ModelCIF file with pLDDT and N, C-alpha, C, O atoms, coordinates in Angstrom:
data_MODEL
#
_entry.id   MODEL 
#
_entity.id                         1 
_entity.type                       polymer 
_entity.pdbx_number_of_molecules   1 
#
_entity_poly.entity_id                      1 
_entity_poly.type                           'polypeptide(L)' 
_entity_poly.nstd_linkage                   no 
_entity_poly.nstd_monomer                   no 
_entity_poly.pdbx_seq_one_letter_code       FVAAFTWSGSRGYYADSVKDRVTIVRDNAKNRAYLQMNSLKPEDTAVY 
_entity_poly.pdbx_seq_one_letter_code_can   FVAAFTWSGSRGYYADSVKDRVTIVRDNAKNRAYLQMNSLKPEDTAVY 
_entity_poly.pdbx_strand_id                 A 
#
loop_
_entity_poly_seq.entity_id 
_entity_poly_seq.num 
_entity_poly_seq.mon_id 
_entity_poly_seq.hetero 
1 1  PHE n 
1 2  VAL n 
1 3  ALA n 
1 4  ALA n 
1 5  PHE n 
1 6  THR n 
1 7  TRP n 
1 8  SER n 
1 9  GLY n 
1 10 SER n 
1 11 ARG n 
1 12 GLY n 
1 13 TYR n 
1 14 TYR n 
1 15 ALA n 
1 16 ASP n 
1 17 SER n 
1 18 VAL n 
1 19 LYS n 
1 20 ASP n 
1 21 ARG n 
1 22 VAL n 
1 23 THR n 
1 24 ILE n 
1 25 VAL n 
1 26 ARG n 
1 27 ASP n 
1 28 ASN n 
1 29 ALA n 
1 30 LYS n 
1 31 ASN n 
1 32 ARG n 
1 33 ALA n 
1 34 TYR n 
1 35 LEU n 
1 36 GLN n 
1 37 MET n 
1 38 ASN n 
1 39 SER n 
1 40 LEU n 
1 41 LYS n 
1 42 PRO n 
1 43 GLU n 
1 44 ASP n 
1 45 THR n 
1 46 ALA n 
1 47 VAL n 
1 48 TYR n 
#
_struct_asym.id          A 
_struct_asym.entity_id   1 
#
loop_
_ma_qa_metric.id 
_ma_qa_metric.mode 
_ma_qa_metric.name 
_ma_qa_metric.software_group_id 
_ma_qa_metric.type 
1 global pLDDT . pLDDT 
2 local  pLDDT . pLDDT 
#
_ma_qa_metric_global.metric_id      1 
_ma_qa_metric_global.metric_value   94.38 
_ma_qa_metric_global.model_id       1 
_ma_qa_metric_global.ordinal_id     1 
#
loop_
_ma_qa_metric_local.label_asym_id 
_ma_qa_metric_local.label_comp_id 
_ma_qa_metric_local.label_seq_id 
_ma_qa_metric_local.metric_id 
_ma_qa_metric_local.metric_value 
_ma_qa_metric_local.model_id 
_ma_qa_metric_local.ordinal_id 
A PHE 1  2 98.00 1 1  
A VAL 2  2 98.00 1 2  
A ALA 3  2 98.00 1 3  
A ALA 4  2 96.00 1 4  
A PHE 5  2 94.00 1 5  
A THR 6  2 92.00 1 6  
A TRP 7  2 86.00 1 7  
A SER 8  2 85.00 1 8  
A GLY 9  2 86.00 1 9  
A SER 10 2 86.00 1 10 
A ARG 11 2 90.00 1 11 
A GLY 12 2 94.00 1 12 
A TYR 13 2 96.00 1 13 
A TYR 14 2 96.00 1 14 
A ALA 15 2 96.00 1 15 
A ASP 16 2 96.00 1 16 
A SER 17 2 94.00 1 17 
A VAL 18 2 95.00 1 18 
A LYS 19 2 92.00 1 19 
A ASP 20 2 93.00 1 20 
A ARG 21 2 97.00 1 21 
A VAL 22 2 97.00 1 22 
A THR 23 2 97.00 1 23 
A ILE 24 2 97.00 1 24 
A VAL 25 2 95.00 1 25 
A ARG 26 2 91.00 1 26 
A ASP 27 2 90.00 1 27 
A ASN 28 2 84.00 1 28 
A ALA 29 2 88.00 1 29 
A LYS 30 2 90.00 1 30 
A ASN 31 2 91.00 1 31 
A ARG 32 2 93.00 1 32 
A ALA 33 2 95.00 1 33 
A TYR 34 2 97.00 1 34 
A LEU 35 2 98.00 1 35 
A GLN 36 2 98.00 1 36 
A MET 37 2 98.00 1 37 
A ASN 38 2 98.00 1 38 
A SER 39 2 98.00 1 39 
A LEU 40 2 98.00 1 40 
A LYS 41 2 97.00 1 41 
A PRO 42 2 97.00 1 42 
A GLU 43 2 96.00 1 43 
A ASP 44 2 97.00 1 44 
A THR 45 2 98.00 1 45 
A ALA 46 2 98.00 1 46 
A VAL 47 2 98.00 1 47 
A TYR 48 2 98.00 1 48 
#
loop_
_atom_site.group_PDB 
_atom_site.id 
_atom_site.type_symbol 
_atom_site.label_atom_id 
_atom_site.label_alt_id 
_atom_site.label_comp_id 
_atom_site.label_asym_id 
_atom_site.label_entity_id 
_atom_site.label_seq_id 
_atom_site.pdbx_PDB_ins_code 
_atom_site.Cartn_x 
_atom_site.Cartn_y 
_atom_site.Cartn_z 
_atom_site.occupancy 
_atom_site.B_iso_or_equiv 
_atom_site.pdbx_formal_charge 
_atom_site.auth_seq_id 
_atom_site.auth_comp_id 
_atom_site.auth_asym_id 
_atom_site.auth_atom_id 
_atom_site.pdbx_PDB_model_num 
ATOM 1   N N  . PHE A 1 1  ? 1.591   -3.030 1.369   1.00 98.00 ? 1  PHE A N  1 
ATOM 2   C CA . PHE A 1 1  ? 1.130   -2.368 0.165   1.00 98.00 ? 1  PHE A CA 1 
ATOM 3   C C  . PHE A 1 1  ? -0.384  -2.354 0.081   1.00 98.00 ? 1  PHE A C  1 
ATOM 4   O O  . PHE A 1 1  ? -1.036  -3.332 0.445   1.00 98.00 ? 1  PHE A O  1 
ATOM 5   N N  . VAL A 1 2  ? -0.947  -1.253 -0.396  1.00 98.00 ? 2  VAL A N  1 
ATOM 6   C CA . VAL A 1 2  ? -2.382  -1.135 -0.604  1.00 98.00 ? 2  VAL A CA 1 
ATOM 7   C C  . VAL A 1 2  ? -2.707  -0.894 -2.075  1.00 98.00 ? 2  VAL A C  1 
ATOM 8   O O  . VAL A 1 2  ? -3.448  -1.667 -2.682  1.00 98.00 ? 2  VAL A O  1 
ATOM 9   N N  . ALA A 1 3  ? -2.158  0.167  -2.646  1.00 98.00 ? 3  ALA A N  1 
ATOM 10  C CA . ALA A 1 3  ? -2.457  0.525  -4.030  1.00 98.00 ? 3  ALA A CA 1 
ATOM 11  C C  . ALA A 1 3  ? -1.379  1.449  -4.564  1.00 98.00 ? 3  ALA A C  1 
ATOM 12  O O  . ALA A 1 3  ? -0.667  2.097  -3.797  1.00 98.00 ? 3  ALA A O  1 
ATOM 13  N N  . ALA A 1 4  ? -1.263  1.505  -5.888  1.00 96.00 ? 4  ALA A N  1 
ATOM 14  C CA . ALA A 1 4  ? -0.260  2.359  -6.504  1.00 96.00 ? 4  ALA A CA 1 
ATOM 15  C C  . ALA A 1 4  ? -0.602  2.620  -7.960  1.00 96.00 ? 4  ALA A C  1 
ATOM 16  O O  . ALA A 1 4  ? -1.425  1.928  -8.559  1.00 96.00 ? 4  ALA A O  1 
ATOM 17  N N  . PHE A 1 5  ? 0.046   3.632  -8.512  1.00 94.00 ? 5  PHE A N  1 
ATOM 18  C CA . PHE A 1 5  ? 0.005   3.874  -9.941  1.00 94.00 ? 5  PHE A CA 1 
ATOM 19  C C  . PHE A 1 5  ? 1.335   4.442  -10.391 1.00 94.00 ? 5  PHE A C  1 
ATOM 20  O O  . PHE A 1 5  ? 2.047   5.084  -9.620  1.00 94.00 ? 5  PHE A O  1 
ATOM 21  N N  . THR A 1 6  ? 1.660   4.197  -11.648 1.00 92.00 ? 6  THR A N  1 
ATOM 22  C CA . THR A 1 6  ? 2.791   4.869  -12.263 1.00 92.00 ? 6  THR A CA 1 
ATOM 23  C C  . THR A 1 6  ? 2.290   6.115  -12.960 1.00 92.00 ? 6  THR A C  1 
ATOM 24  O O  . THR A 1 6  ? 1.126   6.196  -13.350 1.00 92.00 ? 6  THR A O  1 
ATOM 25  N N  . TRP A 1 7  ? 3.179   7.090  -13.116 1.00 86.00 ? 7  TRP A N  1 
ATOM 26  C CA . TRP A 1 7  ? 2.737   8.368  -13.665 1.00 86.00 ? 7  TRP A CA 1 
ATOM 27  C C  . TRP A 1 7  ? 2.303   8.268  -15.107 1.00 86.00 ? 7  TRP A C  1 
ATOM 28  O O  . TRP A 1 7  ? 1.447   9.032  -15.552 1.00 86.00 ? 7  TRP A O  1 
ATOM 29  N N  . SER A 1 8  ? 2.872   7.348  -15.835 1.00 85.00 ? 8  SER A N  1 
ATOM 30  C CA . SER A 1 8  ? 2.536   7.185  -17.245 1.00 85.00 ? 8  SER A CA 1 
ATOM 31  C C  . SER A 1 8  ? 1.690   5.954  -17.521 1.00 85.00 ? 8  SER A C  1 
ATOM 32  O O  . SER A 1 8  ? 1.366   5.676  -18.676 1.00 85.00 ? 8  SER A O  1 
ATOM 33  N N  . GLY A 1 9  ? 1.329   5.215  -16.487 1.00 86.00 ? 9  GLY A N  1 
ATOM 34  C CA . GLY A 1 9  ? 0.577   3.996  -16.664 1.00 86.00 ? 9  GLY A CA 1 
ATOM 35  C C  . GLY A 1 9  ? -0.889  4.235  -16.950 1.00 86.00 ? 9  GLY A C  1 
ATOM 36  O O  . GLY A 1 9  ? -1.390  5.356  -16.852 1.00 86.00 ? 9  GLY A O  1 
ATOM 37  N N  . SER A 1 10 ? -1.565  3.156  -17.307 1.00 86.00 ? 10 SER A N  1 
ATOM 38  C CA . SER A 1 10 ? -2.968  3.228  -17.673 1.00 86.00 ? 10 SER A CA 1 
ATOM 39  C C  . SER A 1 10 ? -3.893  2.550  -16.675 1.00 86.00 ? 10 SER A C  1 
ATOM 40  O O  . SER A 1 10 ? -5.109  2.540  -16.867 1.00 86.00 ? 10 SER A O  1 
ATOM 41  N N  . ARG A 1 11 ? -3.336  1.986  -15.617 1.00 90.00 ? 11 ARG A N  1 
ATOM 42  C CA . ARG A 1 11 ? -4.154  1.295  -14.639 1.00 90.00 ? 11 ARG A CA 1 
ATOM 43  C C  . ARG A 1 11 ? -3.528  1.382  -13.265 1.00 90.00 ? 11 ARG A C  1 
ATOM 44  O O  . ARG A 1 11 ? -2.345  1.690  -13.123 1.00 90.00 ? 11 ARG A O  1 
ATOM 45  N N  . GLY A 1 12 ? -4.325  1.110  -12.268 1.00 94.00 ? 12 GLY A N  1 
ATOM 46  C CA . GLY A 1 12 ? -3.826  1.041  -10.918 1.00 94.00 ? 12 GLY A CA 1 
ATOM 47  C C  . GLY A 1 12 ? -3.439  -0.368 -10.532 1.00 94.00 ? 12 GLY A C  1 
ATOM 48  O O  . GLY A 1 12 ? -3.795  -1.332 -11.210 1.00 94.00 ? 12 GLY A O  1 
ATOM 49  N N  . TYR A 1 13 ? -2.709  -0.481 -9.437  1.00 96.00 ? 13 TYR A N  1 
ATOM 50  C CA . TYR A 1 13 ? -2.280  -1.765 -8.901  1.00 96.00 ? 13 TYR A CA 1 
ATOM 51  C C  . TYR A 1 13 ? -2.775  -1.864 -7.469  1.00 96.00 ? 13 TYR A C  1 
ATOM 52  O O  . TYR A 1 13 ? -2.691  -0.904 -6.703  1.00 96.00 ? 13 TYR A O  1 
ATOM 53  N N  . TYR A 1 14 ? -3.290  -3.034 -7.113  1.00 96.00 ? 14 TYR A N  1 
ATOM 54  C CA . TYR A 1 14 ? -3.958  -3.178 -5.831  1.00 96.00 ? 14 TYR A CA 1 
ATOM 55  C C  . TYR A 1 14 ? -3.570  -4.460 -5.118  1.00 96.00 ? 14 TYR A C  1 
ATOM 56  O O  . TYR A 1 14 ? -3.303  -5.486 -5.743  1.00 96.00 ? 14 TYR A O  1 
ATOM 57  N N  . ALA A 1 15 ? -3.546  -4.376 -3.809  1.00 96.00 ? 15 ALA A N  1 
ATOM 58  C CA . ALA A 1 15 ? -3.417  -5.574 -3.005  1.00 96.00 ? 15 ALA A CA 1 
ATOM 59  C C  . ALA A 1 15 ? -4.701  -6.395 -3.112  1.00 96.00 ? 15 ALA A C  1 
ATOM 60  O O  . ALA A 1 15 ? -5.792  -5.843 -3.256  1.00 96.00 ? 15 ALA A O  1 
ATOM 61  N N  . ASP A 1 16 ? -4.558  -7.716 -3.041  1.00 96.00 ? 16 ASP A N  1 
ATOM 62  C CA . ASP A 1 16 ? -5.722  -8.586 -3.168  1.00 96.00 ? 16 ASP A CA 1 
ATOM 63  C C  . ASP A 1 16 ? -6.776  -8.294 -2.100  1.00 96.00 ? 16 ASP A C  1 
ATOM 64  O O  . ASP A 1 16 ? -7.972  -8.453 -2.345  1.00 96.00 ? 16 ASP A O  1 
ATOM 65  N N  . SER A 1 17 ? -6.340  -7.876 -0.940  1.00 94.00 ? 17 SER A N  1 
ATOM 66  C CA . SER A 1 17 ? -7.250  -7.661 0.168   1.00 94.00 ? 17 SER A CA 1 
ATOM 67  C C  . SER A 1 17 ? -8.175  -6.462 -0.017  1.00 94.00 ? 17 SER A C  1 
ATOM 68  O O  . SER A 1 17 ? -9.177  -6.336 0.687   1.00 94.00 ? 17 SER A O  1 
ATOM 69  N N  . VAL A 1 18 ? -7.841  -5.575 -0.968  1.00 95.00 ? 18 VAL A N  1 
ATOM 70  C CA . VAL A 1 18 ? -8.628  -4.356 -1.131  1.00 95.00 ? 18 VAL A CA 1 
ATOM 71  C C  . VAL A 1 18 ? -9.080  -4.108 -2.557  1.00 95.00 ? 18 VAL A C  1 
ATOM 72  O O  . VAL A 1 18 ? -9.773  -3.122 -2.810  1.00 95.00 ? 18 VAL A O  1 
ATOM 73  N N  . LYS A 1 19 ? -8.717  -4.958 -3.490  1.00 92.00 ? 19 LYS A N  1 
ATOM 74  C CA . LYS A 1 19 ? -8.852  -4.642 -4.912  1.00 92.00 ? 19 LYS A CA 1 
ATOM 75  C C  . LYS A 1 19 ? -10.287 -4.366 -5.355  1.00 92.00 ? 19 LYS A C  1 
ATOM 76  O O  . LYS A 1 19 ? -10.494 -3.629 -6.319  1.00 92.00 ? 19 LYS A O  1 
ATOM 77  N N  . ASP A 1 20 ? -11.266 -4.931 -4.687  1.00 93.00 ? 20 ASP A N  1 
ATOM 78  C CA . ASP A 1 20 ? -12.660 -4.724 -5.053  1.00 93.00 ? 20 ASP A CA 1 
ATOM 79  C C  . ASP A 1 20 ? -13.310 -3.580 -4.291  1.00 93.00 ? 20 ASP A C  1 
ATOM 80  O O  . ASP A 1 20 ? -14.479 -3.268 -4.517  1.00 93.00 ? 20 ASP A O  1 
ATOM 81  N N  . ARG A 1 21 ? -12.568 -2.960 -3.399  1.00 97.00 ? 21 ARG A N  1 
ATOM 82  C CA . ARG A 1 21 ? -13.137 -1.936 -2.540  1.00 97.00 ? 21 ARG A CA 1 
ATOM 83  C C  . ARG A 1 21 ? -12.402 -0.610 -2.610  1.00 97.00 ? 21 ARG A C  1 
ATOM 84  O O  . ARG A 1 21 ? -12.879 0.391  -2.074  1.00 97.00 ? 21 ARG A O  1 
ATOM 85  N N  . VAL A 1 22 ? -11.268 -0.590 -3.252  1.00 97.00 ? 22 VAL A N  1 
ATOM 86  C CA . VAL A 1 22 ? -10.394 0.579  -3.256  1.00 97.00 ? 22 VAL A CA 1 
ATOM 87  C C  . VAL A 1 22 ? -10.062 0.988  -4.678  1.00 97.00 ? 22 VAL A C  1 
ATOM 88  O O  . VAL A 1 22 ? -9.863  0.147  -5.554  1.00 97.00 ? 22 VAL A O  1 
ATOM 89  N N  . THR A 1 23 ? -10.005 2.286  -4.891  1.00 97.00 ? 23 THR A N  1 
ATOM 90  C CA . THR A 1 23 ? -9.589  2.835  -6.175  1.00 97.00 ? 23 THR A CA 1 
ATOM 91  C C  . THR A 1 23 ? -8.563  3.930  -5.941  1.00 97.00 ? 23 THR A C  1 
ATOM 92  O O  . THR A 1 23 ? -8.788  4.836  -5.140  1.00 97.00 ? 23 THR A O  1 
ATOM 93  N N  . ILE A 1 24 ? -7.445  3.849  -6.634  1.00 97.00 ? 24 ILE A N  1 
ATOM 94  C CA . ILE A 1 24 ? -6.448  4.904  -6.563  1.00 97.00 ? 24 ILE A CA 1 
ATOM 95  C C  . ILE A 1 24 ? -6.617  5.798  -7.781  1.00 97.00 ? 24 ILE A C  1 
ATOM 96  O O  . ILE A 1 24 ? -6.761  5.316  -8.904  1.00 97.00 ? 24 ILE A O  1 
ATOM 97  N N  . VAL A 1 25 ? -6.598  7.091  -7.549  1.00 95.00 ? 25 VAL A N  1 
ATOM 98  C CA . VAL A 1 25 ? -6.833  8.074  -8.592  1.00 95.00 ? 25 VAL A CA 1 
ATOM 99  C C  . VAL A 1 25 ? -5.663  9.055  -8.624  1.00 95.00 ? 25 VAL A C  1 
ATOM 100 O O  . VAL A 1 25 ? -5.187  9.496  -7.578  1.00 95.00 ? 25 VAL A O  1 
ATOM 101 N N  . ARG A 1 26 ? -5.214  9.384  -9.798  1.00 91.00 ? 26 ARG A N  1 
ATOM 102 C CA . ARG A 1 26 ? -4.112  10.330 -9.940  1.00 91.00 ? 26 ARG A CA 1 
ATOM 103 C C  . ARG A 1 26 ? -4.581  11.618 -10.588 1.00 91.00 ? 26 ARG A C  1 
ATOM 104 O O  . ARG A 1 26 ? -5.483  11.623 -11.427 1.00 91.00 ? 26 ARG A O  1 
ATOM 105 N N  . ASP A 1 27 ? -3.957  12.696 -10.186 1.00 90.00 ? 27 ASP A N  1 
ATOM 106 C CA . ASP A 1 27 ? -4.168  13.992 -10.793 1.00 90.00 ? 27 ASP A CA 1 
ATOM 107 C C  . ASP A 1 27 ? -2.793  14.496 -11.204 1.00 90.00 ? 27 ASP A C  1 
ATOM 108 O O  . ASP A 1 27 ? -2.079  15.099 -10.403 1.00 90.00 ? 27 ASP A O  1 
ATOM 109 N N  . ASN A 1 28 ? -2.429  14.248 -12.444 1.00 84.00 ? 28 ASN A N  1 
ATOM 110 C CA . ASN A 1 28 ? -1.091  14.579 -12.913 1.00 84.00 ? 28 ASN A CA 1 
ATOM 111 C C  . ASN A 1 28 ? -0.785  16.076 -12.809 1.00 84.00 ? 28 ASN A C  1 
ATOM 112 O O  . ASN A 1 28 ? 0.318   16.469 -12.430 1.00 84.00 ? 28 ASN A O  1 
ATOM 113 N N  . ALA A 1 29 ? -1.768  16.896 -13.146 1.00 88.00 ? 29 ALA A N  1 
ATOM 114 C CA . ALA A 1 29 ? -1.545  18.335 -13.170 1.00 88.00 ? 29 ALA A CA 1 
ATOM 115 C C  . ALA A 1 29 ? -1.259  18.896 -11.781 1.00 88.00 ? 29 ALA A C  1 
ATOM 116 O O  . ALA A 1 29 ? -0.527  19.877 -11.648 1.00 88.00 ? 29 ALA A O  1 
ATOM 117 N N  . LYS A 1 30 ? -1.824  18.289 -10.761 1.00 90.00 ? 30 LYS A N  1 
ATOM 118 C CA . LYS A 1 30 ? -1.685  18.803 -9.403  1.00 90.00 ? 30 LYS A CA 1 
ATOM 119 C C  . LYS A 1 30 ? -0.751  17.980 -8.524  1.00 90.00 ? 30 LYS A C  1 
ATOM 120 O O  . LYS A 1 30 ? -0.593  18.274 -7.339  1.00 90.00 ? 30 LYS A O  1 
ATOM 121 N N  . ASN A 1 31 ? -0.131  16.951 -9.099  1.00 91.00 ? 31 ASN A N  1 
ATOM 122 C CA . ASN A 1 31 ? 0.759   16.073 -8.338  1.00 91.00 ? 31 ASN A CA 1 
ATOM 123 C C  . ASN A 1 31 ? 0.078   15.534 -7.085  1.00 91.00 ? 31 ASN A C  1 
ATOM 124 O O  . ASN A 1 31 ? 0.599   15.635 -5.974  1.00 91.00 ? 31 ASN A O  1 
ATOM 125 N N  . ARG A 1 32 ? -1.068  14.974 -7.295  1.00 93.00 ? 32 ARG A N  1 
ATOM 126 C CA . ARG A 1 32 ? -1.848  14.425 -6.193  1.00 93.00 ? 32 ARG A CA 1 
ATOM 127 C C  . ARG A 1 32 ? -2.258  12.990 -6.465  1.00 93.00 ? 32 ARG A C  1 
ATOM 128 O O  . ARG A 1 32 ? -2.407  12.570 -7.613  1.00 93.00 ? 32 ARG A O  1 
ATOM 129 N N  . ALA A 1 33 ? -2.436  12.257 -5.390  1.00 95.00 ? 33 ALA A N  1 
ATOM 130 C CA . ALA A 1 33 ? -2.958  10.904 -5.454  1.00 95.00 ? 33 ALA A CA 1 
ATOM 131 C C  . ALA A 1 33 ? -4.074  10.767 -4.437  1.00 95.00 ? 33 ALA A C  1 
ATOM 132 O O  . ALA A 1 33 ? -3.965  11.245 -3.308  1.00 95.00 ? 33 ALA A O  1 
ATOM 133 N N  . TYR A 1 34 ? -5.127  10.123 -4.840  1.00 97.00 ? 34 TYR A N  1 
ATOM 134 C CA . TYR A 1 34 ? -6.274  9.912  -3.979  1.00 97.00 ? 34 TYR A CA 1 
ATOM 135 C C  . TYR A 1 34 ? -6.521  8.420  -3.808  1.00 97.00 ? 34 TYR A C  1 
ATOM 136 O O  . TYR A 1 34 ? -6.252  7.623  -4.706  1.00 97.00 ? 34 TYR A O  1 
ATOM 137 N N  . LEU A 1 35 ? -7.023  8.069  -2.670  1.00 98.00 ? 35 LEU A N  1 
ATOM 138 C CA . LEU A 1 35 ? -7.400  6.693  -2.400  1.00 98.00 ? 35 LEU A CA 1 
ATOM 139 C C  . LEU A 1 35 ? -8.850  6.684  -1.948  1.00 98.00 ? 35 LEU A C  1 
ATOM 140 O O  . LEU A 1 35 ? -9.167  7.096  -0.832  1.00 98.00 ? 35 LEU A O  1 
ATOM 141 N N  . GLN A 1 36 ? -9.721  6.214  -2.818  1.00 98.00 ? 36 GLN A N  1 
ATOM 142 C CA . GLN A 1 36 ? -11.132 6.085  -2.496  1.00 98.00 ? 36 GLN A CA 1 
ATOM 143 C C  . GLN A 1 36 ? -11.369 4.702  -1.917  1.00 98.00 ? 36 GLN A C  1 
ATOM 144 O O  . GLN A 1 36 ? -11.127 3.696  -2.584  1.00 98.00 ? 36 GLN A O  1 
ATOM 145 N N  . MET A 1 37 ? -11.837 4.647  -0.694  1.00 98.00 ? 37 MET A N  1 
ATOM 146 C CA . MET A 1 37 ? -12.054 3.387  0.001   1.00 98.00 ? 37 MET A CA 1 
ATOM 147 C C  . MET A 1 37 ? -13.527 3.234  0.326   1.00 98.00 ? 37 MET A C  1 
ATOM 148 O O  . MET A 1 37 ? -14.127 4.094  0.971   1.00 98.00 ? 37 MET A O  1 
ATOM 149 N N  . ASN A 1 38 ? -14.094 2.148  -0.121  1.00 98.00 ? 38 ASN A N  1 
ATOM 150 C CA . ASN A 1 38 ? -15.498 1.846  0.108   1.00 98.00 ? 38 ASN A CA 1 
ATOM 151 C C  . ASN A 1 38 ? -15.636 0.522  0.848   1.00 98.00 ? 38 ASN A C  1 
ATOM 152 O O  . ASN A 1 38 ? -14.695 -0.268 0.921   1.00 98.00 ? 38 ASN A O  1 
ATOM 153 N N  . SER A 1 39 ? -16.815 0.298  1.387   1.00 98.00 ? 39 SER A N  1 
ATOM 154 C CA . SER A 1 39 ? -17.108 -0.955 2.095   1.00 98.00 ? 39 SER A CA 1 
ATOM 155 C C  . SER A 1 39 ? -16.016 -1.286 3.101   1.00 98.00 ? 39 SER A C  1 
ATOM 156 O O  . SER A 1 39 ? -15.512 -2.408 3.133   1.00 98.00 ? 39 SER A O  1 
ATOM 157 N N  . LEU A 1 40 ? -15.660 -0.326 3.905   1.00 98.00 ? 40 LEU A N  1 
ATOM 158 C CA . LEU A 1 40 ? -14.554 -0.489 4.835   1.00 98.00 ? 40 LEU A CA 1 
ATOM 159 C C  . LEU A 1 40 ? -14.870 -1.513 5.914   1.00 98.00 ? 40 LEU A C  1 
ATOM 160 O O  . LEU A 1 40 ? -16.013 -1.665 6.346   1.00 98.00 ? 40 LEU A O  1 
ATOM 161 N N  . LYS A 1 41 ? -13.825 -2.205 6.333   1.00 97.00 ? 41 LYS A N  1 
ATOM 162 C CA . LYS A 1 41 ? -13.921 -3.238 7.344   1.00 97.00 ? 41 LYS A CA 1 
ATOM 163 C C  . LYS A 1 41 ? -13.029 -2.883 8.528   1.00 97.00 ? 41 LYS A C  1 
ATOM 164 O O  . LYS A 1 41 ? -12.071 -2.127 8.368   1.00 97.00 ? 41 LYS A O  1 
ATOM 165 N N  . PRO A 1 42 ? -13.325 -3.413 9.707   1.00 97.00 ? 42 PRO A N  1 
ATOM 166 C CA . PRO A 1 42 ? -12.437 -3.166 10.841  1.00 97.00 ? 42 PRO A CA 1 
ATOM 167 C C  . PRO A 1 42 ? -10.989 -3.556 10.564  1.00 97.00 ? 42 PRO A C  1 
ATOM 168 O O  . PRO A 1 42 ? -10.071 -2.944 11.110  1.00 97.00 ? 42 PRO A O  1 
ATOM 169 N N  . GLU A 1 43 ? -10.775 -4.555 9.731   1.00 96.00 ? 43 GLU A N  1 
ATOM 170 C CA . GLU A 1 43 ? -9.429  -4.979 9.379   1.00 96.00 ? 43 GLU A CA 1 
ATOM 171 C C  . GLU A 1 43 ? -8.662  -3.923 8.586   1.00 96.00 ? 43 GLU A C  1 
ATOM 172 O O  . GLU A 1 43 ? -7.443  -4.020 8.447   1.00 96.00 ? 43 GLU A O  1 
ATOM 173 N N  . ASP A 1 44 ? -9.357  -2.928 8.071   1.00 97.00 ? 44 ASP A N  1 
ATOM 174 C CA . ASP A 1 44 ? -8.702  -1.846 7.348   1.00 97.00 ? 44 ASP A CA 1 
ATOM 175 C C  . ASP A 1 44 ? -8.117  -0.791 8.279   1.00 97.00 ? 44 ASP A C  1 
ATOM 176 O O  . ASP A 1 44 ? -7.429  0.123  7.825   1.00 97.00 ? 44 ASP A O  1 
ATOM 177 N N  . THR A 1 45 ? -8.381  -0.908 9.555   1.00 98.00 ? 45 THR A N  1 
ATOM 178 C CA . THR A 1 45 ? -7.871  0.056  10.520  1.00 98.00 ? 45 THR A CA 1 
ATOM 179 C C  . THR A 1 45 ? -6.348  0.051  10.519  1.00 98.00 ? 45 THR A C  1 
ATOM 180 O O  . THR A 1 45 ? -5.722  -0.988 10.725  1.00 98.00 ? 45 THR A O  1 
ATOM 181 N N  . ALA A 1 46 ? -5.761  1.213  10.289  1.00 98.00 ? 46 ALA A N  1 
ATOM 182 C CA . ALA A 1 46 ? -4.310  1.341  10.210  1.00 98.00 ? 46 ALA A CA 1 
ATOM 183 C C  . ALA A 1 46 ? -3.958  2.796  9.979   1.00 98.00 ? 46 ALA A C  1 
ATOM 184 O O  . ALA A 1 46 ? -4.824  3.630  9.714   1.00 98.00 ? 46 ALA A O  1 
ATOM 185 N N  . VAL A 1 47 ? -2.678  3.082  10.085  1.00 98.00 ? 47 VAL A N  1 
ATOM 186 C CA . VAL A 1 47 ? -2.160  4.356  9.606   1.00 98.00 ? 47 VAL A CA 1 
ATOM 187 C C  . VAL A 1 47 ? -1.835  4.192  8.131   1.00 98.00 ? 47 VAL A C  1 
ATOM 188 O O  . VAL A 1 47 ? -1.107  3.275  7.749   1.00 98.00 ? 47 VAL A O  1 
ATOM 189 N N  . TYR A 1 48 ? -2.364  5.064  7.313   1.00 98.00 ? 48 TYR A N  1 
ATOM 190 C CA . TYR A 1 48 ? -2.161  4.993  5.878   1.00 98.00 ? 48 TYR A CA 1 
ATOM 191 C C  . TYR A 1 48 ? -1.115  6.012  5.461   1.00 98.00 ? 48 TYR A C  1 
ATOM 192 O O  . TYR A 1 48 ? -0.792  6.117  4.277   1.00 98.00 ? 48 TYR A O  1 
#
């Protein structure tokens, strides 16, 4: 797990390993989810 949101929720949920570096953003009107990742580390290398 990395991050998530519920469609009606007011906040995102994050894994401890990324919580200070990652933000999940929702666009309800367009049915889209974005993951903004900053301060990336080699340990973040993966298929997302």
